[in-house]
Structures are given as structure tokens and as C-alpha cells.
């Protein structure tokens, strides 16, 4: 899909067509992440920082379930 860069005030932006927004399940105001890859840049709704944080949280929860019990009280 070819996208055009357009002026937005003193910045530049890309307008995403409605069908692409729908396929990505995005609405105005949602976040989109640009991740550099060896082949270029990938646009995704996936937040790699949040995913890494959740992975650490899940590891802690598996290793020490007592922590969760104390937090719930």
C-alpha cells in the first residue's frame, strides 16, 4: 500500500486509509508503533516495551504467587 507524506503544521504525517485503519483495528487517537527492521520500518499496534514488561510480570507471578495474594488483600 502506497502512503503519501503530507504537511501537518510544522511537521509531516502520513494519512492512513480507512480500510487500513480497519484492518489494524485502529481509531483516531490510538497509538501506532514504528519498529526498525533489517528490511525497513514496520508499523504495528504491538508495543514491544509493554510486551517485555508483561513478560517480566508473568515470570514474577509464576515464581512467587504469594506476592499476588498479598497484593489482592
C-alpha atoms as a PDB file:
ATOM      1  CA  UNK A   1       0.000   0.000   0.000  1.00  0.00           C
ATOM      2  CA  UNK A   2       1.427   3.342  -1.016  1.00  0.00           C
ATOM      3  CA  UNK A   3       1.091   6.157   1.537  1.00  0.00           C
ATOM      4  CA  UNK A   4       1.763   9.840   0.954  1.00  0.00           C
ATOM      5  CA  UNK A   5       3.566  12.125   3.404  1.00  0.00           C
ATOM      6  CA  UNK A   6       1.675  15.362   3.956  1.00  0.00           C
ATOM      7  CA  UNK A   7       2.313  18.577   5.872  1.00  0.00           C
ATOM      8  CA  UNK A   8       0.665  18.872   9.293  1.00  0.00           C
ATOM      9  CA  UNK A   9       1.531  22.281  10.715  1.00  0.00           C
ATOM     10  CA  UNK A  10       5.333  22.417  11.043  1.00  0.00           C
ATOM     11  CA  UNK A  11       5.537  18.615  10.972  1.00  0.00           C
ATOM     12  CA  UNK A  12       4.868  15.878   8.452  1.00  0.00           C
ATOM     13  CA  UNK A  13       2.453  12.986   8.710  1.00  0.00           C
ATOM     14  CA  UNK A  14       1.020  10.040   6.854  1.00  0.00           C
ATOM     15  CA  UNK A  15      -2.698   9.667   6.253  1.00  0.00           C
ATOM     16  CA  UNK A  16      -3.874   6.090   6.727  1.00  0.00           C
ATOM     17  CA  UNK A  17      -6.807   4.995   4.561  1.00  0.00           C
ATOM     18  CA  UNK A  18      -9.989   3.792   6.308  1.00  0.00           C
ATOM     19  CA  UNK A  19      -9.509   0.188   5.152  1.00  0.00           C
ATOM     20  CA  UNK A  20      -6.009   0.065   6.669  1.00  0.00           C
ATOM     21  CA  UNK A  21      -7.277   1.554   9.946  1.00  0.00           C
ATOM     22  CA  UNK A  22      -9.992  -1.084   9.979  1.00  0.00           C
ATOM     23  CA  UNK A  23      -7.555  -3.948   9.340  1.00  0.00           C
ATOM     24  CA  UNK A  24      -5.292  -2.683  12.139  1.00  0.00           C
ATOM     25  CA  UNK A  25      -8.339  -2.116  14.390  1.00  0.00           C
ATOM     26  CA  UNK A  26      -7.269   1.496  14.947  1.00  0.00           C
ATOM     27  CA  UNK A  27      -9.258   4.647  15.563  1.00  0.00           C
ATOM     28  CA  UNK A  28      -8.251   8.292  15.765  1.00  0.00           C
ATOM     29  CA  UNK A  29      -6.154   8.823  18.893  1.00  0.00           C
ATOM     30  CA  UNK A  30      -4.850   5.236  19.075  1.00  0.00           C
ATOM     31  CA  UNK A  31      -1.115   4.576  19.145  1.00  0.00           C
ATOM     32  CA  UNK A  32       0.847   3.018  16.309  1.00  0.00           C
ATOM     33  CA  UNK A  33       4.450   1.898  16.783  1.00  0.00           C
ATOM     34  CA  UNK A  34       7.227   2.176  14.189  1.00  0.00           C
ATOM     35  CA  UNK A  35       9.824  -0.565  14.627  1.00  0.00           C
ATOM     36  CA  UNK A  36      13.040  -0.594  12.614  1.00  0.00           C
ATOM     37  CA  UNK A  37      13.760  -3.941  10.958  1.00  0.00           C
ATOM     38  CA  UNK A  38      16.553  -5.076   8.621  1.00  0.00           C
ATOM     39  CA  UNK A  39      14.078  -4.624   5.731  1.00  0.00           C
ATOM     40  CA  UNK A  40      12.904  -1.130   6.711  1.00  0.00           C
ATOM     41  CA  UNK A  41      10.290   0.129   9.152  1.00  0.00           C
ATOM     42  CA  UNK A  42       7.311  -1.890  10.372  1.00  0.00           C
ATOM     43  CA  UNK A  43       4.136  -0.150  11.564  1.00  0.00           C
ATOM     44  CA  UNK A  44       2.315  -2.135  14.213  1.00  0.00           C
ATOM     45  CA  UNK A  45      -0.158  -1.801  17.072  1.00  0.00           C
ATOM     46  CA  UNK A  46       2.130  -4.101  19.091  1.00  0.00           C
ATOM     47  CA  UNK A  47       4.072  -2.282  21.826  1.00  0.00           C
ATOM     48  CA  UNK A  48       7.379  -4.135  22.321  1.00  0.00           C
ATOM     49  CA  UNK A  49       8.166  -2.273  25.566  1.00  0.00           C
ATOM     50  CA  UNK A  50       4.837  -3.226  27.131  1.00  0.00           C
ATOM     51  CA  UNK A  51       5.252  -6.811  25.943  1.00  0.00           C
ATOM     52  CA  UNK A  52       8.661  -7.042  27.636  1.00  0.00           C
ATOM     53  CA  UNK A  53       7.235  -5.601  30.870  1.00  0.00           C
ATOM     54  CA  UNK A  54       4.354  -8.082  30.799  1.00  0.00           C
ATOM     55  CA  UNK A  55       6.788 -10.951  30.251  1.00  0.00           C
ATOM     56  CA  UNK A  56       8.708  -9.955  33.404  1.00  0.00           C
ATOM     57  CA  UNK A  57       5.445  -9.586  35.357  1.00  0.00           C
ATOM     58  CA  UNK A  58       4.257 -13.032  34.267  1.00  0.00           C
ATOM     59  CA  UNK A  59       7.589 -14.564  35.317  1.00  0.00           C
ATOM     60  CA  UNK A  60       7.330 -12.968  38.773  1.00  0.00           C
ATOM     61  CA  UNK A  61       3.726 -14.156  39.121  1.00  0.00           C
ATOM     62  CA  UNK A  62       4.705 -17.734  38.228  1.00  0.00           C
ATOM     63  CA  UNK A  63       7.685 -17.747  40.602  1.00  0.00           C
ATOM     64  CA  UNK A  64       6.049 -16.166  43.651  1.00  0.00           C
ATOM     65  CA  UNK A  65       2.271 -16.481  43.740  1.00  0.00           C
ATOM     66  CA  UNK A  66       2.312 -15.319  47.389  1.00  0.00           C
ATOM     67  CA  UNK A  67       3.146 -11.812  46.148  1.00  0.00           C
ATOM     68  CA  UNK A  68      -0.112 -11.736  44.209  1.00  0.00           C
ATOM     69  CA  UNK A  69      -2.094 -12.944  47.206  1.00  0.00           C
ATOM     70  CA  UNK A  70      -0.630 -10.164  49.390  1.00  0.00           C
ATOM     71  CA  UNK A  71      -1.397  -7.531  46.738  1.00  0.00           C
ATOM     72  CA  UNK A  72      -5.006  -8.691  46.447  1.00  0.00           C
ATOM     73  CA  UNK A  73      -5.686  -8.203  50.160  1.00  0.00           C
END
